Amino acid sequence: MADVPARLRAQQFALSRHLRDPATVAPPDGIEERRLAVYRDLLYNNLEGLLAGNFPVIRQTLGDAAWHALVRAFQAGHRCRTPLFTEIGREFVRWLETRADADPALPPWLPDLAHYEWVELALQISDAVAPEGIDAALGDDPAQALLDGVPVASPWAWALAYRWPVHRIGPDHQPTQVPAQPTLVLARRDAGGDVRFAELSPLVYRLLELLGDGTRRGRDCLRQLAAEAGTDDAEGFLAEGGAMLARMHGEGSLLGVRAA
């Protein structure tokens, strides 16, 4: 009887290997084919349905045959690091990132688009909390308050950079050449829990980078940005930048300020 747990474990692994890759791994002995088919269908259909819900644009763009081949390859070839259903999408993104250079048959934009689609779920379920000690009201002149204080970025606002134009890829647009300029995107979760996306200019993307560490006054970040941009009108740049900070606060990308 001492070897019963070991035999059971071996049978379980043999069954799981077959269910994950039935095309190449034979089933264990002693299990009726009808029952195996039920388990195979349950495993694949649940995984495929979950991924199709997370990545609808990829599902539609690839079409039925390519999509199912991709999901089956993921099921057979990737060892997930977590049992959580909410993390399966992230595991899919990780897998695609490792496959991008190894499989020339995959569209080169696929990892970028997968990450872009995953971000929506990631922000929806994010359990990030706002930092303490923030003045969110900003008084009668939000722009001035954001210039004088240290703006604090929302943990639910992510500035993202992609090699491919992920917001335009779909069944009718599948680029083959990497654009000269990256696609810069702000993804943010609003007060109602909805995730919104907007294109960013390079200047605003860089401004969010400078604000990200939460240690410098708004005017100091803008002055550095003006120097990097080579502008001749630093004061005008500062005024426009203050208005931009106020708009970012109004939309929720900036939570408020800390004292400098």
C-alpha atoms as a PDB file:
ATOM      1  CA  MET A   1       0.000   0.000   0.000  1.00  0.00           C
ATOM      2  CA  ALA A   2       2.953   2.324   0.476  1.00  0.00           C
ATOM      3  CA  ASP A   3       3.231   2.946  -3.244  1.00  0.00           C
ATOM      4  CA  VAL A   4      -0.462   3.873  -3.722  1.00  0.00           C
ATOM      5  CA  PRO A   5       0.072   7.671  -3.360  1.00  0.00           C
ATOM      6  CA  ALA A   6       2.966   7.507  -5.805  1.00  0.00           C
ATOM      7  CA  ARG A   7       0.899   5.546  -8.339  1.00  0.00           C
ATOM      8  CA  LEU A   8      -2.029   7.943  -7.966  1.00  0.00           C
ATOM      9  CA  ARG A   9       0.241  10.930  -8.467  1.00  0.00           C
ATOM     10  CA  ALA A  10       1.758   9.346 -11.572  1.00  0.00           C
ATOM     11  CA  GLN A  11      -1.727   8.645 -12.976  1.00  0.00           C
ATOM     12  CA  GLN A  12      -2.802  12.211 -12.324  1.00  0.00           C
ATOM     13  CA  PHE A  13       0.252  13.598 -14.096  1.00  0.00           C
ATOM     14  CA  ALA A  14      -0.241  11.221 -17.019  1.00  0.00           C
ATOM     15  CA  LEU A  15      -3.862  12.311 -17.348  1.00  0.00           C
ATOM     16  CA  SER A  16      -3.054  16.012 -17.086  1.00  0.00           C
ATOM     17  CA  ARG A  17      -0.298  15.741 -19.709  1.00  0.00           C
ATOM     18  CA  HIS A  18      -2.737  14.107 -22.092  1.00  0.00           C
ATOM     19  CA  LEU A  19      -5.512  16.629 -21.439  1.00  0.00           C
ATOM     20  CA  ARG A  20      -3.161  19.537 -22.070  1.00  0.00           C
ATOM     21  CA  ASP A  21      -1.707  18.078 -25.272  1.00  0.00           C
ATOM     22  CA  PRO A  22      -3.956  15.310 -26.566  1.00  0.00           C
ATOM     23  CA  ALA A  23      -2.541  15.575 -30.099  1.00  0.00           C
ATOM     24  CA  THR A  24       0.890  14.275 -29.061  1.00  0.00           C
ATOM     25  CA  VAL A  25       0.544  12.702 -25.601  1.00  0.00           C
ATOM     26  CA  ALA A  26      -1.216   9.354 -25.338  1.00  0.00           C
ATOM     27  CA  PRO A  27      -3.864   8.914 -22.620  1.00  0.00           C
ATOM     28  CA  PRO A  28      -3.159   6.763 -19.572  1.00  0.00           C
ATOM     29  CA  ASP A  29      -4.349   3.186 -19.676  1.00  0.00           C
ATOM     30  CA  GLY A  30      -7.673   2.121 -18.234  1.00  0.00           C
ATOM     31  CA  ILE A  31      -9.771   5.262 -18.896  1.00  0.00           C
ATOM     32  CA  GLU A  32     -12.685   5.060 -21.303  1.00  0.00           C
ATOM     33  CA  GLU A  33     -12.320   7.311 -24.368  1.00  0.00           C
ATOM     34  CA  ARG A  34     -15.785   8.780 -23.856  1.00  0.00           C
ATOM     35  CA  ARG A  35     -14.807   9.974 -20.391  1.00  0.00           C
ATOM     36  CA  LEU A  36     -11.482  11.325 -21.639  1.00  0.00           C
ATOM     37  CA  ALA A  37     -13.304  13.323 -24.300  1.00  0.00           C
ATOM     38  CA  VAL A  38     -15.470  14.956 -21.635  1.00  0.00           C
ATOM     39  CA  TYR A  39     -12.408  16.062 -19.654  1.00  0.00           C
ATOM     40  CA  ARG A  40     -10.596  17.251 -22.792  1.00  0.00           C
ATOM     41  CA  ASP A  41     -13.555  19.358 -23.859  1.00  0.00           C
ATOM     42  CA  LEU A  42     -14.079  20.815 -20.392  1.00  0.00           C
ATOM     43  CA  LEU A  43     -10.462  21.864 -20.040  1.00  0.00           C
ATOM     44  CA  TYR A  44     -10.117  23.368 -23.499  1.00  0.00           C
ATOM     45  CA  ASN A  45     -13.518  25.058 -23.654  1.00  0.00           C
ATOM     46  CA  ASN A  46     -13.046  26.713 -20.269  1.00  0.00           C
ATOM     47  CA  LEU A  47      -9.591  27.981 -21.182  1.00  0.00           C
ATOM     48  CA  GLU A  48     -10.626  29.121 -24.655  1.00  0.00           C
ATOM     49  CA  GLY A  49     -13.704  30.913 -23.351  1.00  0.00           C
ATOM     50  CA  LEU A  50     -11.691  32.713 -20.695  1.00  0.00           C
ATOM     51  CA  LEU A  51      -9.039  33.869 -23.170  1.00  0.00           C
ATOM     52  CA  ALA A  52     -11.613  34.873 -25.777  1.00  0.00           C
ATOM     53  CA  GLY A  53     -13.247  37.114 -23.187  1.00  0.00           C
ATOM     54  CA  ASN A  54      -9.906  38.688 -22.251  1.00  0.00           C
ATOM     55  CA  PHE A  55      -8.620  39.119 -25.812  1.00  0.00           C
ATOM     56  CA  PRO A  56     -11.607  39.745 -28.101  1.00  0.00           C
ATOM     57  CA  VAL A  57      -9.667  41.794 -30.662  1.00  0.00           C
ATOM     58  CA  ILE A  58      -7.025  39.096 -31.082  1.00  0.00           C
ATOM     59  CA  ARG A  59      -9.778  36.466 -31.320  1.00  0.00           C
ATOM     60  CA  GLN A  60     -11.565  38.388 -34.069  1.00  0.00           C
ATOM     61  CA  THR A  61      -8.411  39.424 -35.928  1.00  0.00           C
ATOM     62  CA  LEU A  62      -6.803  35.979 -36.116  1.00  0.00           C
ATOM     63  CA  GLY A  63      -9.984  34.147 -37.110  1.00  0.00           C
ATOM     64  CA  ASP A  64     -11.204  30.750 -35.939  1.00  0.00           C
ATOM     65  CA  ALA A  65      -8.452  28.423 -37.135  1.00  0.00           C
ATOM     66  CA  ALA A  66      -5.470  30.537 -36.076  1.00  0.00           C
ATOM     67  CA  TRP A  67      -7.075  31.464 -32.752  1.00  0.00           C
ATOM     68  CA  HIS A  68      -7.810  27.870 -31.744  1.00  0.00           C
ATOM     69  CA  ALA A  69      -4.328  26.775 -32.832  1.00  0.00           C
ATOM     70  CA  LEU A  70      -2.852  29.526 -30.649  1.00  0.00           C
ATOM     71  CA  VAL A  71      -4.911  28.560 -27.593  1.00  0.00           C
ATOM     72  CA  ARG A  72      -4.067  24.875 -28.007  1.00  0.00           C
ATOM     73  CA  ALA A  73      -0.365  25.713 -28.267  1.00  0.00           C
ATOM     74  CA  PHE A  74      -0.625  27.788 -25.089  1.00  0.00           C
ATOM     75  CA  GLN A  75      -2.465  25.011 -23.272  1.00  0.00           C
ATOM     76  CA  ALA A  76       0.113  22.439 -24.311  1.00  0.00           C
ATOM     77  CA  GLY A  77       3.276  24.449 -23.953  1.00  0.00           C
ATOM     78  CA  HIS A  78       2.971  26.906 -21.063  1.00  0.00           C
ATOM     79  CA  ARG A  79       3.313  26.116 -17.370  1.00  0.00           C
ATOM     80  CA  CYS A  80       1.267  28.704 -15.488  1.00  0.00           C
ATOM     81  CA  ARG A  81       2.704  30.175 -12.299  1.00  0.00           C
ATOM     82  CA  THR A  82      -0.664  30.706 -10.609  1.00  0.00           C
ATOM     83  CA  PRO A  83      -3.983  28.847 -10.219  1.00  0.00           C
ATOM     84  CA  LEU A  84      -6.005  32.102 -10.246  1.00  0.00           C
ATOM     85  CA  PHE A  85      -8.379  32.472 -13.198  1.00  0.00           C
ATOM     86  CA  THR A  86      -7.913  36.237 -13.167  1.00  0.00           C
ATOM     87  CA  GLU A  87      -4.188  35.733 -13.847  1.00  0.00           C
ATOM     88  CA  ILE A  88      -4.574  33.450 -16.874  1.00  0.00           C
ATOM     89  CA  GLY A  89      -4.626  36.453 -19.209  1.00  0.00           C
ATOM     90  CA  ARG A  90      -1.309  37.672 -17.818  1.00  0.00           C
ATOM     91  CA  GLU A  91       0.137  34.191 -18.252  1.00  0.00           C
ATOM     92  CA  PHE A  92      -1.009  34.270 -21.896  1.00  0.00           C
ATOM     93  CA  VAL A  93       0.756  37.615 -22.389  1.00  0.00           C
ATOM     94  CA  ARG A  94       3.966  36.241 -20.853  1.00  0.00           C
ATOM     95  CA  TRP A  95       3.817  33.207 -23.095  1.00  0.00           C
ATOM     96  CA  LEU A  96       3.331  35.302 -26.219  1.00  0.00           C
ATOM     97  CA  GLU A  97       6.292  37.483 -25.238  1.00  0.00           C
ATOM     98  CA  THR A  98       8.524  34.404 -25.134  1.00  0.00           C
ATOM     99  CA  ARG A  99       7.129  33.127 -28.436  1.00  0.00           C
ATOM    100  CA  ALA A 100       7.452  36.381 -30.396  1.00  0.00           C
ATOM    101  CA  ASP A 101      10.942  35.717 -31.754  1.00  0.00           C
ATOM    102  CA  ALA A 102      10.778  31.926 -31.724  1.00  0.00           C
ATOM    103  CA  ASP A 103       7.728  31.511 -33.969  1.00  0.00           C
ATOM    104  CA  PRO A 104       7.829  33.502 -37.230  1.00  0.00           C
ATOM    105  CA  ALA A 105       4.305  32.334 -38.032  1.00  0.00           C
ATOM    106  CA  LEU A 106       2.889  34.572 -35.294  1.00  0.00           C
ATOM    107  CA  PRO A 107       2.028  38.170 -36.233  1.00  0.00           C
ATOM    108  CA  PRO A 108       4.842  40.348 -34.884  1.00  0.00           C
ATOM    109  CA  TRP A 109       2.361  42.738 -33.251  1.00  0.00           C
ATOM    110  CA  LEU A 110       0.662  39.979 -31.256  1.00  0.00           C
ATOM    111  CA  PRO A 111       2.498  40.423 -27.907  1.00  0.00           C
ATOM    112  CA  ASP A 112       1.883  44.187 -27.919  1.00  0.00           C
ATOM    113  CA  LEU A 113      -1.803  43.786 -28.717  1.00  0.00           C
ATOM    114  CA  ALA A 114      -2.181  41.074 -26.072  1.00  0.00           C
ATOM    115  CA  HIS A 115      -0.662  43.334 -23.416  1.00  0.00           C
ATOM    116  CA  TYR A 116      -2.892  46.220 -24.511  1.00  0.00           C
ATOM    117  CA  GLU A 117      -6.005  44.064 -24.168  1.00  0.00           C
ATOM    118  CA  TRP A 118      -4.852  42.570 -20.860  1.00  0.00           C
ATOM    119  CA  VAL A 119      -4.394  46.031 -19.332  1.00  0.00           C
ATOM    120  CA  GLU A 120      -8.161  46.590 -19.223  1.00  0.00           C
ATOM    121  CA  LEU A 121      -8.759  43.578 -16.960  1.00  0.00           C
ATOM    122  CA  ALA A 122      -5.630  44.324 -14.924  1.00  0.00           C
ATOM    123  CA  LEU A 123      -6.870  47.825 -14.115  1.00  0.00           C
ATOM    124  CA  GLN A 124     -10.411  46.659 -13.412  1.00  0.00           C
ATOM    125  CA  ILE A 125      -9.271  44.177 -10.763  1.00  0.00           C
ATOM    126  CA  SER A 126      -6.312  46.184  -9.447  1.00  0.00           C
ATOM    127  CA  ASP A 127      -6.260  46.328  -5.652  1.00  0.00           C
ATOM    128  CA  ALA A 128      -3.849  49.267  -5.546  1.00  0.00           C
ATOM    129  CA  VAL A 129      -4.548  51.878  -2.876  1.00  0.00           C
ATOM    130  CA  ALA A 130      -4.061  55.615  -3.037  1.00  0.00           C
ATOM    131  CA  PRO A 131      -1.092  57.018  -1.090  1.00  0.00           C
ATOM    132  CA  GLU A 132      -1.840  58.852   2.125  1.00  0.00           C
ATOM    133  CA  GLY A 133      -1.215  62.522   2.831  1.00  0.00           C
ATOM    134  CA  ILE A 134      -2.531  63.908  -0.458  1.00  0.00           C
ATOM    135  CA  ASP A 135      -4.398  67.169  -0.907  1.00  0.00           C
ATOM    136  CA  ALA A 136      -6.951  66.312  -3.589  1.00  0.00           C
ATOM    137  CA  ALA A 137      -9.023  69.521  -3.461  1.00  0.00           C
ATOM    138  CA  LEU A 138      -6.291  71.935  -4.679  1.00  0.00           C
ATOM    139  CA  GLY A 139      -8.323  75.071  -3.880  1.00  0.00           C
ATOM    140  CA  ASP A 140      -9.358  77.736  -6.380  1.00  0.00           C
ATOM    141  CA  ASP A 141      -6.283  77.433  -8.628  1.00  0.00           C
ATOM    142  CA  PRO A 142      -5.506  73.759  -9.320  1.00  0.00           C
ATOM    143  CA  ALA A 143      -2.835  74.590 -11.900  1.00  0.00           C
ATOM    144  CA  GLN A 144      -0.871  76.709  -9.442  1.00  0.00           C
ATOM    145  CA  ALA A 145      -1.242  74.129  -6.684  1.00  0.00           C
ATOM    146  CA  LEU A 146       0.097  71.425  -8.989  1.00  0.00           C
ATOM    147  CA  LEU A 147       3.032  73.611 -10.014  1.00  0.00           C
ATOM    148  CA  ASP A 148       3.954  74.474  -6.423  1.00  0.00           C
ATOM    149  CA  GLY A 149       3.302  71.070  -4.881  1.00  0.00           C
ATOM    150  CA  VAL A 150       4.425  67.546  -5.716  1.00  0.00           C
ATOM    151  CA  PRO A 151       1.818  65.986  -8.032  1.00  0.00           C
ATOM    152  CA  VAL A 152       0.904  62.400  -7.154  1.00  0.00           C
ATOM    153  CA  ALA A 153      -0.027  60.114 -10.036  1.00  0.00           C
ATOM    154  CA  SER A 154      -2.968  57.759  -9.668  1.00  0.00           C
ATOM    155  CA  PRO A 155      -1.991  54.089  -9.260  1.00  0.00           C
ATOM    156  CA  TRP A 156      -4.881  53.393 -11.672  1.00  0.00           C
ATOM    157  CA  ALA A 157      -3.393  55.498 -14.492  1.00  0.00           C
ATOM    158  CA  TRP A 158      -0.719  53.749 -16.555  1.00  0.00           C
ATOM    159  CA  ALA A 159       1.368  55.373 -19.286  1.00  0.00           C
ATOM    160  CA  LEU A 160       2.183  52.648 -21.818  1.00  0.00           C
ATOM    161  CA  ALA A 161       4.474  52.523 -24.847  1.00  0.00           C
ATOM    162  CA  TYR A 162       4.098  50.019 -27.710  1.00  0.00           C
ATOM    163  CA  ARG A 163       6.101  49.397 -30.863  1.00  0.00           C
ATOM    164  CA  TRP A 164       2.905  48.721 -32.797  1.00  0.00           C
ATOM    165  CA  PRO A 165      -0.286  50.825 -33.162  1.00  0.00           C
ATOM    166  CA  VAL A 166      -2.273  48.539 -30.875  1.00  0.00           C
ATOM    167  CA  HIS A 167      -5.350  50.771 -30.769  1.00  0.00           C
ATOM    168  CA  ARG A 168      -5.838  50.424 -34.536  1.00  0.00           C
ATOM    169  CA  ILE A 169      -5.079  46.742 -35.105  1.00  0.00           C
ATOM    170  CA  GLY A 170      -8.080  44.635 -36.094  1.00  0.00           C
ATOM    171  CA  PRO A 171      -9.413  42.402 -38.857  1.00  0.00           C
ATOM    172  CA  ASP A 172      -9.123  45.250 -41.378  1.00  0.00           C
ATOM    173  CA  HIS A 173      -5.740  46.563 -40.233  1.00  0.00           C
ATOM    174  CA  GLN A 174      -2.836  44.194 -39.600  1.00  0.00           C
ATOM    175  CA  PRO A 175       0.430  46.100 -40.073  1.00  0.00           C
ATOM    176  CA  THR A 176       3.562  44.365 -41.266  1.00  0.00           C
ATOM    177  CA  GLN A 177       6.122  47.125 -40.671  1.00  0.00           C
ATOM    178  CA  VAL A 178       6.993  48.651 -37.313  1.00  0.00           C
ATOM    179  CA  PRO A 179       6.124  52.380 -37.399  1.00  0.00           C
ATOM    180  CA  ALA A 180       8.928  54.882 -36.962  1.00  0.00           C
ATOM    181  CA  GLN A 181       7.333  56.245 -33.794  1.00  0.00           C
ATOM    182  CA  PRO A 182       5.993  54.230 -30.845  1.00  0.00           C
ATOM    183  CA  THR A 183       2.335  54.280 -29.864  1.00  0.00           C
ATOM    184  CA  LEU A 184       1.919  55.989 -26.496  1.00  0.00           C
ATOM    185  CA  VAL A 185      -1.236  55.312 -24.517  1.00  0.00           C
ATOM    186  CA  LEU A 186      -2.725  56.335 -21.198  1.00  0.00           C
ATOM    187  CA  ALA A 187      -4.902  53.631 -19.639  1.00  0.00           C
ATOM    188  CA  ARG A 188      -6.805  54.728 -16.555  1.00  0.00           C
ATOM    189  CA  ARG A 189      -9.612  53.496 -14.351  1.00  0.00           C
ATOM    190  CA  ASP A 190     -12.124  56.230 -13.630  1.00  0.00           C
ATOM    191  CA  ALA A 191     -14.150  56.802 -10.470  1.00  0.00           C
ATOM    192  CA  GLY A 192     -16.944  54.609 -11.814  1.00  0.00           C
ATOM    193  CA  GLY A 193     -14.625  51.646 -12.356  1.00  0.00           C
ATOM    194  CA  ASP A 194     -14.555  51.931 -16.155  1.00  0.00           C
ATOM    195  CA  VAL A 195     -11.208  51.666 -17.936  1.00  0.00           C
ATOM    196  CA  ARG A 196     -10.514  54.320 -20.555  1.00  0.00           C
ATOM    197  CA  PHE A 197      -7.744  54.632 -23.117  1.00  0.00           C
ATOM    198  CA  ALA A 198      -6.328  57.739 -24.769  1.00  0.00           C
ATOM    199  CA  GLU A 199      -3.364  58.399 -27.022  1.00  0.00           C
ATOM    200  CA  LEU A 200      -0.552  60.430 -25.504  1.00  0.00           C
ATOM    201  CA  SER A 201       1.841  62.848 -27.133  1.00  0.00           C
ATOM    202  CA  PRO A 202       5.538  62.196 -26.483  1.00  0.00           C
ATOM    203  CA  LEU A 203       5.689  65.297 -24.248  1.00  0.00           C
ATOM    204  CA  VAL A 204       2.801  64.195 -22.033  1.00  0.00           C
ATOM    205  CA  TYR A 205       4.170  60.662 -21.848  1.00  0.00           C
ATOM    206  CA  ARG A 206       7.533  62.045 -20.736  1.00  0.00           C
ATOM    207  CA  LEU A 207       5.820  64.341 -18.236  1.00  0.00           C
ATOM    208  CA  LEU A 208       4.101  61.345 -16.655  1.00  0.00           C
ATOM    209  CA  GLU A 209       7.477  59.614 -16.442  1.00  0.00           C
ATOM    210  CA  LEU A 210       8.962  62.618 -14.645  1.00  0.00           C
ATOM    211  CA  LEU A 211       6.022  62.801 -12.255  1.00  0.00           C
ATOM    212  CA  GLY A 212       6.119  59.081 -11.581  1.00  0.00           C
ATOM    213  CA  ASP A 213       8.551  59.070  -8.677  1.00  0.00           C
ATOM    214  CA  GLY A 214       6.358  61.513  -6.726  1.00  0.00           C
ATOM    215  CA  THR A 215       9.243  63.518  -5.282  1.00  0.00           C
ATOM    216  CA  ARG A 216       9.465  66.697  -7.388  1.00  0.00           C
ATOM    217  CA  ARG A 217       7.293  69.751  -7.718  1.00  0.00           C
ATOM    218  CA  GLY A 218       5.230  70.113 -10.845  1.00  0.00           C
ATOM    219  CA  ARG A 219       7.176  73.182 -11.985  1.00  0.00           C
ATOM    220  CA  ASP A 220      10.495  71.354 -11.593  1.00  0.00           C
ATOM    221  CA  CYS A 221       9.291  68.491 -13.768  1.00  0.00           C
ATOM    222  CA  LEU A 222       8.017  70.935 -16.381  1.00  0.00           C
ATOM    223  CA  ARG A 223      11.267  72.872 -16.392  1.00  0.00           C
ATOM    224  CA  GLN A 224      13.193  69.675 -17.029  1.00  0.00           C
ATOM    225  CA  LEU A 225      10.750  68.780 -19.785  1.00  0.00           C
ATOM    226  CA  ALA A 226      11.164  72.239 -21.352  1.00  0.00           C
ATOM    227  CA  ALA A 227      14.951  71.815 -21.311  1.00  0.00           C
ATOM    228  CA  GLU A 228      14.678  68.384 -22.928  1.00  0.00           C
ATOM    229  CA  ALA A 229      12.325  69.763 -25.583  1.00  0.00           C
ATOM    230  CA  GLY A 230      14.676  72.693 -26.280  1.00  0.00           C
ATOM    231  CA  THR A 231      11.952  75.328 -25.993  1.00  0.00           C
ATOM    232  CA  ASP A 232      12.874  79.024 -26.077  1.00  0.00           C
ATOM    233  CA  ASP A 233       9.820  80.081 -24.074  1.00  0.00           C
ATOM    234  CA  ALA A 234      10.221  78.390 -20.715  1.00  0.00           C
ATOM    235  CA  GLU A 235       7.640  80.550 -18.957  1.00  0.00           C
ATOM    236  CA  GLY A 236       5.012  79.962 -21.625  1.00  0.00           C
ATOM    237  CA  PHE A 237       5.796  76.257 -21.483  1.00  0.00           C
ATOM    238  CA  LEU A 238       5.345  76.362 -17.721  1.00  0.00           C
ATOM    239  CA  ALA A 239       1.938  78.041 -18.022  1.00  0.00           C
ATOM    240  CA  GLU A 240       0.725  75.514 -20.606  1.00  0.00           C
ATOM    241  CA  GLY A 241       2.134  72.713 -18.503  1.00  0.00           C
ATOM    242  CA  GLY A 242       0.239  73.921 -15.435  1.00  0.00           C
ATOM    243  CA  ALA A 243      -2.994  73.847 -17.416  1.00  0.00           C
ATOM    244  CA  MET A 244      -2.123  70.322 -18.571  1.00  0.00           C
ATOM    245  CA  LEU A 245      -1.535  69.209 -14.977  1.00  0.00           C
ATOM    246  CA  ALA A 246      -4.914  70.649 -13.999  1.00  0.00           C
ATOM    247  CA  ARG A 247      -6.635  68.696 -16.797  1.00  0.00           C
ATOM    248  CA  MET A 248      -4.875  65.516 -15.708  1.00  0.00           C
ATOM    249  CA  HIS A 249      -6.084  66.125 -12.160  1.00  0.00           C
ATOM    250  CA  GLY A 250      -9.616  66.729 -13.391  1.00  0.00           C
ATOM    251  CA  GLU A 251      -9.702  63.431 -15.272  1.00  0.00           C
ATOM    252  CA  GLY A 252      -8.214  61.526 -12.320  1.00  0.00           C
ATOM    253  CA  SER A 253      -4.747  60.734 -13.684  1.00  0.00           C
ATOM    254  CA  LEU A 254      -3.287  62.848 -10.887  1.00  0.00           C
ATOM    255  CA  LEU A 255      -4.769  62.412  -7.416  1.00  0.00           C
ATOM    256  CA  GLY A 256      -3.552  65.710  -5.987  1.00  0.00           C
ATOM    257  CA  VAL A 257      -0.382  67.039  -4.416  1.00  0.00           C
ATOM    258  CA  ARG A 258       1.928  66.585  -1.498  1.00  0.00           C
ATOM    259  CA  ALA A 259       3.702  69.572  -0.027  1.00  0.00           C
ATOM    260  CA  ALA A 260       7.028  70.213  -1.746  1.00  0.00           C
END
